[in-house]
Amino acid sequence: MRDLADQITWVVVADGEKALIFVNDDTPEQPFLNVISKDKIDNPPTREQAANRRGRFNDAGAGGAQRSAVADTDWHEFEKERFAKDFAETLNKAAMKNKFDHLVLFAPPQALGRLRKELHKEVEQRLTFTVDNDLTNHPVDEIETHLAKAYKEEAAAKPLA
């Protein structure tokens, strides 16, 4: 691990379709974020990705002609799952290469859950904290404000040793 003064903190702002990786070039109390990576998928609604009719299969026994409809796949949600898995792999590889020492993750609850289940223990060990908040369409200065506030709340919540 690097000396404390040289440690690198990545801040990830993500949802189910977009993820930004920032590096904090200042202190937690006065963050100065620089974008180092942007990742986004084109994920139109399921109705634009799927066939018009549901699939069917014949589930009748020897004598009948009973048919059942197969439930539609929610392609929009499927793409969000795949995006989370792919993005988590990006973080996993970066952690294995020691590209960051600390990680802060901002994402809405559903996206946060998808990401967390795909993160390697190397990433989990570097995860400083997570915040259930969708900031993907916010300007950088607002993200910096949310980050400083989250650090203060995290510090206040931790008991003194």
N, C-alpha and C. Protein backbone atom coordinates (compact mmCIF):
# COMPACT_ATOMS: atom_id res chain seq x y z
N MET A 1 0.84 -1.19 0.00
CA MET A 1 0.00 0.00 0.00
C MET A 1 0.88 1.25 0.00
N ARG A 2 0.41 2.29 -0.64
CA ARG A 2 1.16 3.54 -0.73
C ARG A 2 1.16 4.28 0.61
N ASP A 3 2.11 5.22 0.75
CA ASP A 3 2.11 6.11 1.92
C ASP A 3 0.78 6.83 1.97
N LEU A 4 0.36 7.20 3.15
CA LEU A 4 -0.92 7.87 3.34
C LEU A 4 -1.07 9.09 2.43
N ALA A 5 -0.03 9.88 2.30
CA ALA A 5 -0.11 11.09 1.47
C ALA A 5 -0.25 10.77 -0.02
N ASP A 6 0.17 9.57 -0.42
CA ASP A 6 0.14 9.20 -1.84
C ASP A 6 -1.04 8.28 -2.19
N GLN A 7 -1.90 8.00 -1.23
CA GLN A 7 -3.00 7.08 -1.50
C GLN A 7 -4.00 7.68 -2.48
N ILE A 8 -4.55 6.80 -3.30
CA ILE A 8 -5.46 7.22 -4.36
C ILE A 8 -6.88 6.81 -3.99
N THR A 9 -7.78 7.78 -4.06
CA THR A 9 -9.20 7.52 -3.80
C THR A 9 -9.98 7.68 -5.10
N TRP A 10 -10.68 6.63 -5.46
CA TRP A 10 -11.59 6.69 -6.59
C TRP A 10 -13.00 6.90 -6.05
N VAL A 11 -13.75 7.71 -6.76
CA VAL A 11 -15.16 7.94 -6.45
C VAL A 11 -15.95 7.50 -7.67
N VAL A 12 -16.85 6.54 -7.46
CA VAL A 12 -17.67 6.03 -8.55
C VAL A 12 -19.08 6.54 -8.38
N VAL A 13 -19.62 7.08 -9.46
CA VAL A 13 -21.01 7.54 -9.51
C VAL A 13 -21.66 6.71 -10.61
N ALA A 14 -22.65 5.89 -10.23
CA ALA A 14 -23.21 4.95 -11.20
C ALA A 14 -24.71 4.80 -11.03
N ASP A 15 -25.32 4.33 -12.10
CA ASP A 15 -26.70 3.85 -12.04
C ASP A 15 -26.71 2.58 -12.89
N GLY A 16 -27.83 2.16 -13.37
CA GLY A 16 -27.89 0.91 -14.14
C GLY A 16 -27.41 1.02 -15.57
N GLU A 17 -27.12 2.23 -16.03
CA GLU A 17 -26.77 2.41 -17.43
C GLU A 17 -25.55 3.30 -17.65
N LYS A 18 -25.07 3.92 -16.61
CA LYS A 18 -23.98 4.88 -16.74
C LYS A 18 -23.11 4.81 -15.49
N ALA A 19 -21.80 4.93 -15.69
CA ALA A 19 -20.88 4.94 -14.56
C ALA A 19 -19.74 5.91 -14.84
N LEU A 20 -19.41 6.69 -13.86
CA LEU A 20 -18.29 7.62 -13.94
C LEU A 20 -17.30 7.27 -12.84
N ILE A 21 -16.03 7.27 -13.19
CA ILE A 21 -14.99 7.08 -12.18
C ILE A 21 -14.22 8.38 -12.09
N PHE A 22 -14.15 8.90 -10.87
CA PHE A 22 -13.39 10.12 -10.59
C PHE A 22 -12.22 9.74 -9.70
N VAL A 23 -11.16 10.53 -9.75
CA VAL A 23 -10.10 10.43 -8.77
C VAL A 23 -10.18 11.71 -7.95
N ASN A 24 -10.07 11.57 -6.63
CA ASN A 24 -10.09 12.74 -5.76
C ASN A 24 -8.66 13.24 -5.60
N ASP A 25 -8.39 14.41 -6.15
CA ASP A 25 -7.04 14.99 -6.11
C ASP A 25 -6.83 15.93 -4.93
N ASP A 26 -7.72 15.87 -3.95
CA ASP A 26 -7.56 16.71 -2.77
C ASP A 26 -7.97 15.89 -1.54
N THR A 27 -8.38 16.56 -0.49
CA THR A 27 -8.73 15.87 0.75
C THR A 27 -10.19 15.43 0.74
N PRO A 28 -10.56 14.51 1.63
CA PRO A 28 -11.97 14.13 1.73
C PRO A 28 -12.88 15.30 2.10
N GLU A 29 -12.36 16.21 2.93
CA GLU A 29 -13.16 17.35 3.38
C GLU A 29 -13.35 18.39 2.28
N GLN A 30 -12.40 18.48 1.37
CA GLN A 30 -12.48 19.43 0.25
C GLN A 30 -12.11 18.70 -1.04
N PRO A 31 -13.00 17.83 -1.50
CA PRO A 31 -12.66 17.03 -2.68
C PRO A 31 -12.51 17.87 -3.94
N PHE A 32 -11.61 17.41 -4.79
CA PHE A 32 -11.44 17.98 -6.13
C PHE A 32 -11.41 16.79 -7.07
N LEU A 33 -12.53 16.56 -7.75
CA LEU A 33 -12.70 15.35 -8.56
C LEU A 33 -12.34 15.58 -10.02
N ASN A 34 -11.62 14.63 -10.57
CA ASN A 34 -11.31 14.61 -11.99
C ASN A 34 -11.80 13.30 -12.58
N VAL A 35 -12.51 13.40 -13.70
CA VAL A 35 -13.03 12.21 -14.37
C VAL A 35 -11.87 11.44 -14.99
N ILE A 36 -11.82 10.15 -14.69
CA ILE A 36 -10.81 9.31 -15.34
C ILE A 36 -11.43 8.25 -16.24
N SER A 37 -12.75 8.04 -16.11
CA SER A 37 -13.41 7.06 -16.96
C SER A 37 -14.91 7.32 -17.00
N LYS A 38 -15.48 7.13 -18.20
CA LYS A 38 -16.94 7.21 -18.39
C LYS A 38 -17.37 5.94 -19.10
N ASP A 39 -18.43 5.35 -18.62
CA ASP A 39 -18.95 4.13 -19.23
C ASP A 39 -20.46 4.27 -19.31
N LYS A 40 -21.02 3.99 -20.49
CA LYS A 40 -22.46 4.14 -20.67
C LYS A 40 -22.93 3.12 -21.70
N ILE A 41 -24.14 2.60 -21.48
CA ILE A 41 -24.73 1.70 -22.47
C ILE A 41 -25.96 2.35 -23.07
N ASP A 42 -26.27 1.94 -24.28
CA ASP A 42 -27.51 2.35 -24.92
C ASP A 42 -28.52 1.28 -24.55
N ASN A 43 -29.50 1.64 -23.73
CA ASN A 43 -30.44 0.65 -23.20
C ASN A 43 -31.87 1.14 -23.37
N PRO A 44 -32.42 0.99 -24.58
CA PRO A 44 -33.81 1.43 -24.78
C PRO A 44 -34.78 0.56 -23.99
N PRO A 45 -36.02 1.01 -23.84
CA PRO A 45 -37.02 0.22 -23.12
C PRO A 45 -37.19 -1.17 -23.75
N THR A 46 -37.64 -2.12 -22.95
CA THR A 46 -37.82 -3.49 -23.42
C THR A 46 -38.69 -3.55 -24.67
N ARG A 47 -39.72 -2.74 -24.74
CA ARG A 47 -40.62 -2.79 -25.89
C ARG A 47 -39.89 -2.50 -27.20
N GLU A 48 -38.78 -1.78 -27.12
CA GLU A 48 -38.00 -1.49 -28.32
C GLU A 48 -36.92 -2.54 -28.58
N GLN A 49 -36.72 -3.44 -27.64
CA GLN A 49 -35.67 -4.45 -27.79
C GLN A 49 -36.22 -5.84 -28.06
N ALA A 50 -37.50 -6.06 -27.82
CA ALA A 50 -38.04 -7.41 -27.86
C ALA A 50 -38.93 -7.63 -29.07
N ALA A 51 -39.20 -8.90 -29.33
CA ALA A 51 -40.14 -9.27 -30.38
C ALA A 51 -41.55 -8.86 -29.96
N ASN A 52 -42.44 -8.82 -30.92
CA ASN A 52 -43.80 -8.36 -30.65
C ASN A 52 -44.64 -9.35 -29.84
N ARG A 53 -44.41 -10.65 -30.04
CA ARG A 53 -45.26 -11.63 -29.38
C ARG A 53 -44.45 -12.52 -28.45
N ARG A 54 -45.11 -12.96 -27.41
CA ARG A 54 -44.48 -13.89 -26.47
C ARG A 54 -44.26 -15.24 -27.14
N GLY A 55 -43.24 -15.93 -26.67
CA GLY A 55 -43.02 -17.29 -27.14
C GLY A 55 -44.05 -18.23 -26.53
N ARG A 56 -44.28 -19.36 -27.20
CA ARG A 56 -45.23 -20.35 -26.70
C ARG A 56 -44.60 -21.74 -26.82
N PHE A 57 -45.07 -22.63 -25.96
CA PHE A 57 -44.64 -24.02 -26.11
C PHE A 57 -45.83 -24.91 -25.82
N ASN A 58 -45.77 -26.11 -26.39
CA ASN A 58 -46.85 -27.07 -26.24
C ASN A 58 -46.56 -27.89 -24.99
N ASP A 59 -47.41 -27.74 -23.97
CA ASP A 59 -47.20 -28.49 -22.74
C ASP A 59 -48.27 -29.56 -22.53
N ALA A 60 -48.96 -29.90 -23.60
CA ALA A 60 -50.01 -30.92 -23.48
C ALA A 60 -49.40 -32.31 -23.44
N GLY A 61 -50.09 -33.18 -22.81
CA GLY A 61 -49.66 -34.58 -22.76
C GLY A 61 -49.96 -35.25 -24.10
N ALA A 62 -50.21 -36.52 -24.06
CA ALA A 62 -50.41 -37.31 -25.28
C ALA A 62 -51.64 -36.89 -26.06
N GLY A 63 -52.69 -36.44 -25.38
CA GLY A 63 -53.92 -36.20 -26.12
C GLY A 63 -54.34 -34.76 -26.29
N GLY A 64 -53.75 -33.83 -25.61
CA GLY A 64 -54.27 -32.47 -25.65
C GLY A 64 -53.46 -31.53 -26.50
N ALA A 65 -54.02 -30.35 -26.67
CA ALA A 65 -53.34 -29.32 -27.44
C ALA A 65 -53.19 -28.06 -26.59
N GLN A 66 -52.96 -28.25 -25.32
CA GLN A 66 -52.82 -27.11 -24.41
C GLN A 66 -51.51 -26.38 -24.70
N ARG A 67 -51.57 -25.06 -24.73
CA ARG A 67 -50.38 -24.25 -24.99
C ARG A 67 -50.18 -23.26 -23.85
N SER A 68 -48.94 -22.95 -23.59
CA SER A 68 -48.61 -21.98 -22.54
C SER A 68 -47.75 -20.88 -23.12
N ALA A 69 -47.99 -19.68 -22.65
CA ALA A 69 -47.15 -18.56 -23.06
C ALA A 69 -45.93 -18.51 -22.15
N VAL A 70 -44.81 -18.18 -22.74
CA VAL A 70 -43.58 -18.03 -21.98
C VAL A 70 -43.46 -16.56 -21.60
N ALA A 71 -43.14 -16.30 -20.36
CA ALA A 71 -43.02 -14.91 -19.90
C ALA A 71 -41.97 -14.16 -20.71
N ASP A 72 -42.26 -12.90 -20.96
CA ASP A 72 -41.31 -12.05 -21.68
C ASP A 72 -40.08 -11.81 -20.83
N THR A 73 -38.95 -11.74 -21.49
CA THR A 73 -37.72 -11.33 -20.83
C THR A 73 -37.70 -9.82 -20.77
N ASP A 74 -37.37 -9.28 -19.63
CA ASP A 74 -37.24 -7.83 -19.50
C ASP A 74 -35.82 -7.46 -19.94
N TRP A 75 -35.68 -7.16 -21.23
CA TRP A 75 -34.36 -6.89 -21.81
C TRP A 75 -33.72 -5.65 -21.21
N HIS A 76 -34.52 -4.69 -20.82
CA HIS A 76 -33.99 -3.47 -20.22
C HIS A 76 -33.29 -3.80 -18.90
N GLU A 77 -33.93 -4.60 -18.06
CA GLU A 77 -33.33 -5.02 -16.79
C GLU A 77 -32.15 -5.95 -17.02
N PHE A 78 -32.27 -6.81 -18.02
CA PHE A 78 -31.17 -7.72 -18.36
C PHE A 78 -29.91 -6.92 -18.70
N GLU A 79 -30.06 -5.85 -19.47
CA GLU A 79 -28.91 -5.01 -19.85
C GLU A 79 -28.33 -4.29 -18.63
N LYS A 80 -29.19 -3.88 -17.70
CA LYS A 80 -28.69 -3.25 -16.48
C LYS A 80 -27.86 -4.23 -15.66
N GLU A 81 -28.32 -5.48 -15.59
CA GLU A 81 -27.56 -6.52 -14.87
C GLU A 81 -26.21 -6.74 -15.54
N ARG A 82 -26.22 -6.83 -16.86
CA ARG A 82 -24.97 -7.06 -17.58
C ARG A 82 -24.02 -5.87 -17.43
N PHE A 83 -24.57 -4.66 -17.46
CA PHE A 83 -23.74 -3.47 -17.28
C PHE A 83 -23.07 -3.49 -15.91
N ALA A 84 -23.83 -3.82 -14.87
CA ALA A 84 -23.28 -3.88 -13.51
C ALA A 84 -22.16 -4.92 -13.43
N LYS A 85 -22.38 -6.06 -14.04
CA LYS A 85 -21.36 -7.12 -14.02
C LYS A 85 -20.10 -6.66 -14.74
N ASP A 86 -20.26 -6.06 -15.92
CA ASP A 86 -19.10 -5.59 -16.69
C ASP A 86 -18.36 -4.47 -15.97
N PHE A 87 -19.12 -3.54 -15.37
CA PHE A 87 -18.47 -2.43 -14.68
C PHE A 87 -17.77 -2.91 -13.41
N ALA A 88 -18.39 -3.85 -12.70
CA ALA A 88 -17.74 -4.42 -11.52
C ALA A 88 -16.43 -5.09 -11.91
N GLU A 89 -16.41 -5.72 -13.06
CA GLU A 89 -15.18 -6.35 -13.54
C GLU A 89 -14.10 -5.31 -13.79
N THR A 90 -14.48 -4.14 -14.29
CA THR A 90 -13.53 -3.04 -14.46
C THR A 90 -12.92 -2.65 -13.12
N LEU A 91 -13.76 -2.52 -12.10
CA LEU A 91 -13.27 -2.18 -10.76
C LEU A 91 -12.41 -3.31 -10.18
N ASN A 92 -12.82 -4.55 -10.41
CA ASN A 92 -12.06 -5.70 -9.91
C ASN A 92 -10.65 -5.72 -10.50
N LYS A 93 -10.55 -5.51 -11.80
CA LYS A 93 -9.23 -5.51 -12.46
C LYS A 93 -8.37 -4.36 -11.96
N ALA A 94 -8.98 -3.19 -11.79
CA ALA A 94 -8.24 -2.03 -11.30
C ALA A 94 -7.71 -2.27 -9.89
N ALA A 95 -8.51 -2.90 -9.05
CA ALA A 95 -8.07 -3.20 -7.68
C ALA A 95 -6.91 -4.19 -7.69
N MET A 96 -7.00 -5.19 -8.55
CA MET A 96 -5.92 -6.19 -8.64
C MET A 96 -4.60 -5.55 -9.09
N LYS A 97 -4.72 -4.47 -9.87
CA LYS A 97 -3.52 -3.76 -10.35
C LYS A 97 -3.13 -2.61 -9.43
N ASN A 98 -3.80 -2.51 -8.27
CA ASN A 98 -3.53 -1.46 -7.28
C ASN A 98 -3.63 -0.04 -7.85
N LYS A 99 -4.63 0.18 -8.69
CA LYS A 99 -4.82 1.51 -9.26
C LYS A 99 -5.47 2.47 -8.28
N PHE A 100 -6.08 1.94 -7.22
CA PHE A 100 -6.67 2.80 -6.19
C PHE A 100 -6.53 2.13 -4.83
N ASP A 101 -6.53 2.97 -3.80
CA ASP A 101 -6.42 2.47 -2.43
C ASP A 101 -7.76 2.50 -1.71
N HIS A 102 -8.59 3.48 -2.06
CA HIS A 102 -9.90 3.66 -1.43
C HIS A 102 -10.93 3.88 -2.52
N LEU A 103 -12.16 3.44 -2.23
CA LEU A 103 -13.25 3.57 -3.19
C LEU A 103 -14.49 4.05 -2.46
N VAL A 104 -15.13 5.06 -3.03
CA VAL A 104 -16.42 5.53 -2.55
C VAL A 104 -17.40 5.32 -3.69
N LEU A 105 -18.55 4.76 -3.38
CA LEU A 105 -19.51 4.40 -4.41
C LEU A 105 -20.86 5.06 -4.17
N PHE A 106 -21.29 5.89 -5.13
CA PHE A 106 -22.62 6.50 -5.12
C PHE A 106 -23.46 5.81 -6.18
N ALA A 107 -24.61 5.26 -5.79
CA ALA A 107 -25.51 4.63 -6.74
C ALA A 107 -26.88 4.48 -6.09
N PRO A 108 -27.94 4.47 -6.91
CA PRO A 108 -29.26 4.19 -6.33
C PRO A 108 -29.28 2.76 -5.80
N PRO A 109 -30.17 2.46 -4.86
CA PRO A 109 -30.16 1.16 -4.18
C PRO A 109 -30.09 -0.06 -5.09
N GLN A 110 -30.90 -0.09 -6.14
CA GLN A 110 -30.92 -1.27 -7.00
C GLN A 110 -29.59 -1.45 -7.73
N ALA A 111 -29.04 -0.37 -8.25
CA ALA A 111 -27.75 -0.45 -8.94
C ALA A 111 -26.63 -0.79 -7.96
N LEU A 112 -26.72 -0.24 -6.76
CA LEU A 112 -25.72 -0.52 -5.73
C LEU A 112 -25.71 -2.01 -5.38
N GLY A 113 -26.89 -2.58 -5.25
CA GLY A 113 -26.99 -4.01 -4.97
C GLY A 113 -26.41 -4.86 -6.08
N ARG A 114 -26.71 -4.49 -7.31
CA ARG A 114 -26.17 -5.25 -8.46
C ARG A 114 -24.65 -5.19 -8.48
N LEU A 115 -24.10 -4.00 -8.25
CA LEU A 115 -22.65 -3.85 -8.27
C LEU A 115 -21.98 -4.60 -7.12
N ARG A 116 -22.52 -4.45 -5.93
CA ARG A 116 -21.89 -5.05 -4.74
C ARG A 116 -21.78 -6.56 -4.86
N LYS A 117 -22.80 -7.19 -5.45
CA LYS A 117 -22.75 -8.66 -5.53
C LYS A 117 -21.69 -9.14 -6.51
N GLU A 118 -21.19 -8.26 -7.39
CA GLU A 118 -20.18 -8.64 -8.38
C GLU A 118 -18.77 -8.22 -7.99
N LEU A 119 -18.63 -7.46 -6.90
CA LEU A 119 -17.31 -6.95 -6.53
C LEU A 119 -16.45 -8.02 -5.87
N HIS A 120 -15.22 -8.07 -6.28
CA HIS A 120 -14.22 -8.99 -5.71
C HIS A 120 -13.84 -8.51 -4.31
N LYS A 121 -13.32 -9.42 -3.50
CA LYS A 121 -12.94 -9.06 -2.13
C LYS A 121 -11.87 -7.97 -2.12
N GLU A 122 -11.03 -7.89 -3.15
CA GLU A 122 -10.02 -6.83 -3.23
C GLU A 122 -10.68 -5.45 -3.31
N VAL A 123 -11.79 -5.37 -4.01
CA VAL A 123 -12.53 -4.10 -4.10
C VAL A 123 -13.25 -3.85 -2.79
N GLU A 124 -13.90 -4.87 -2.26
CA GLU A 124 -14.63 -4.74 -1.00
C GLU A 124 -13.73 -4.22 0.13
N GLN A 125 -12.48 -4.69 0.16
CA GLN A 125 -11.55 -4.26 1.20
C GLN A 125 -11.19 -2.78 1.06
N ARG A 126 -11.28 -2.25 -0.14
CA ARG A 126 -10.92 -0.85 -0.38
C ARG A 126 -12.14 0.07 -0.33
N LEU A 127 -13.31 -0.51 -0.21
CA LEU A 127 -14.55 0.26 -0.20
C LEU A 127 -14.67 1.03 1.11
N THR A 128 -14.51 2.33 1.03
CA THR A 128 -14.57 3.19 2.21
C THR A 128 -16.01 3.27 2.71
N PHE A 129 -16.92 3.59 1.80
CA PHE A 129 -18.35 3.58 2.10
C PHE A 129 -19.14 3.69 0.81
N THR A 130 -20.43 3.39 0.91
CA THR A 130 -21.35 3.53 -0.21
C THR A 130 -22.45 4.49 0.19
N VAL A 131 -23.02 5.15 -0.80
CA VAL A 131 -24.12 6.08 -0.56
C VAL A 131 -25.23 5.76 -1.55
N ASP A 132 -26.44 5.52 -1.02
CA ASP A 132 -27.61 5.27 -1.87
C ASP A 132 -28.09 6.60 -2.44
N ASN A 133 -27.54 6.97 -3.58
CA ASN A 133 -27.90 8.25 -4.18
C ASN A 133 -27.51 8.22 -5.65
N ASP A 134 -28.42 8.63 -6.52
CA ASP A 134 -28.14 8.67 -7.96
C ASP A 134 -27.66 10.07 -8.32
N LEU A 135 -26.37 10.19 -8.58
CA LEU A 135 -25.77 11.48 -8.93
C LEU A 135 -25.24 11.49 -10.36
N THR A 136 -25.62 10.52 -11.17
CA THR A 136 -25.03 10.38 -12.51
C THR A 136 -25.27 11.58 -13.41
N ASN A 137 -26.33 12.31 -13.21
CA ASN A 137 -26.60 13.46 -14.07
C ASN A 137 -26.36 14.80 -13.37
N HIS A 138 -25.61 14.76 -12.28
CA HIS A 138 -25.29 15.97 -11.54
C HIS A 138 -23.94 16.52 -11.98
N PRO A 139 -23.76 17.83 -11.90
CA PRO A 139 -22.45 18.41 -12.23
C PRO A 139 -21.42 18.01 -11.17
N VAL A 140 -20.16 18.07 -11.57
CA VAL A 140 -19.07 17.63 -10.70
C VAL A 140 -19.04 18.38 -9.38
N ASP A 141 -19.29 19.69 -9.40
CA ASP A 141 -19.24 20.44 -8.14
C ASP A 141 -20.30 19.95 -7.15
N GLU A 142 -21.45 19.53 -7.63
CA GLU A 142 -22.48 18.98 -6.74
C GLU A 142 -22.05 17.62 -6.19
N ILE A 143 -21.41 16.82 -7.03
CA ILE A 143 -20.90 15.52 -6.58
C ILE A 143 -19.85 15.73 -5.49
N GLU A 144 -18.99 16.73 -5.67
CA GLU A 144 -17.98 17.05 -4.66
C GLU A 144 -18.64 17.44 -3.33
N THR A 145 -19.72 18.22 -3.41
CA THR A 145 -20.45 18.62 -2.20
C THR A 145 -21.04 17.40 -1.50
N HIS A 146 -21.66 16.50 -2.28
CA HIS A 146 -22.23 15.27 -1.71
C HIS A 146 -21.14 14.40 -1.09
N LEU A 147 -19.98 14.35 -1.74
CA LEU A 147 -18.88 13.55 -1.23
C LEU A 147 -18.37 14.08 0.11
N ALA A 148 -18.16 15.39 0.18
CA ALA A 148 -17.68 16.00 1.44
C ALA A 148 -18.68 15.75 2.56
N LYS A 149 -19.97 15.90 2.25
CA LYS A 149 -21.02 15.66 3.24
C LYS A 149 -21.03 14.20 3.69
N ALA A 150 -20.87 13.29 2.74
CA ALA A 150 -20.87 11.86 3.07
C ALA A 150 -19.68 11.50 3.95
N TYR A 151 -18.51 12.09 3.67
CA TYR A 151 -17.34 11.84 4.53
C TYR A 151 -17.59 12.34 5.95
N LYS A 152 -18.20 13.53 6.08
CA LYS A 152 -18.51 14.06 7.42
C LYS A 152 -19.46 13.14 8.17
N GLU A 153 -20.50 12.69 7.48
CA GLU A 153 -21.48 11.80 8.11
C GLU A 153 -20.84 10.47 8.49
N GLU A 154 -19.97 9.96 7.64
CA GLU A 154 -19.28 8.70 7.92
C GLU A 154 -18.37 8.85 9.14
N ALA A 155 -17.65 9.96 9.20
CA ALA A 155 -16.74 10.21 10.34
C ALA A 155 -17.54 10.36 11.64
N ALA A 156 -18.69 11.03 11.57
CA ALA A 156 -19.52 11.23 12.76
C ALA A 156 -20.13 9.91 13.24
N ALA A 157 -20.39 9.00 12.31
CA ALA A 157 -21.02 7.72 12.66
C ALA A 157 -20.04 6.74 13.27
N LYS A 158 -18.74 6.90 12.98
CA LYS A 158 -17.73 5.98 13.52
C LYS A 158 -17.36 6.37 14.94
N PRO A 159 -17.38 5.40 15.85
CA PRO A 159 -16.97 5.71 17.23
C PRO A 159 -15.46 5.92 17.29
N LEU A 160 -15.04 6.77 18.18
CA LEU A 160 -13.61 7.01 18.38
C LEU A 160 -12.97 5.79 19.03
N ALA A 161 -11.76 5.47 18.63
CA ALA A 161 -11.08 4.28 19.15
C ALA A 161 -10.53 4.51 20.53
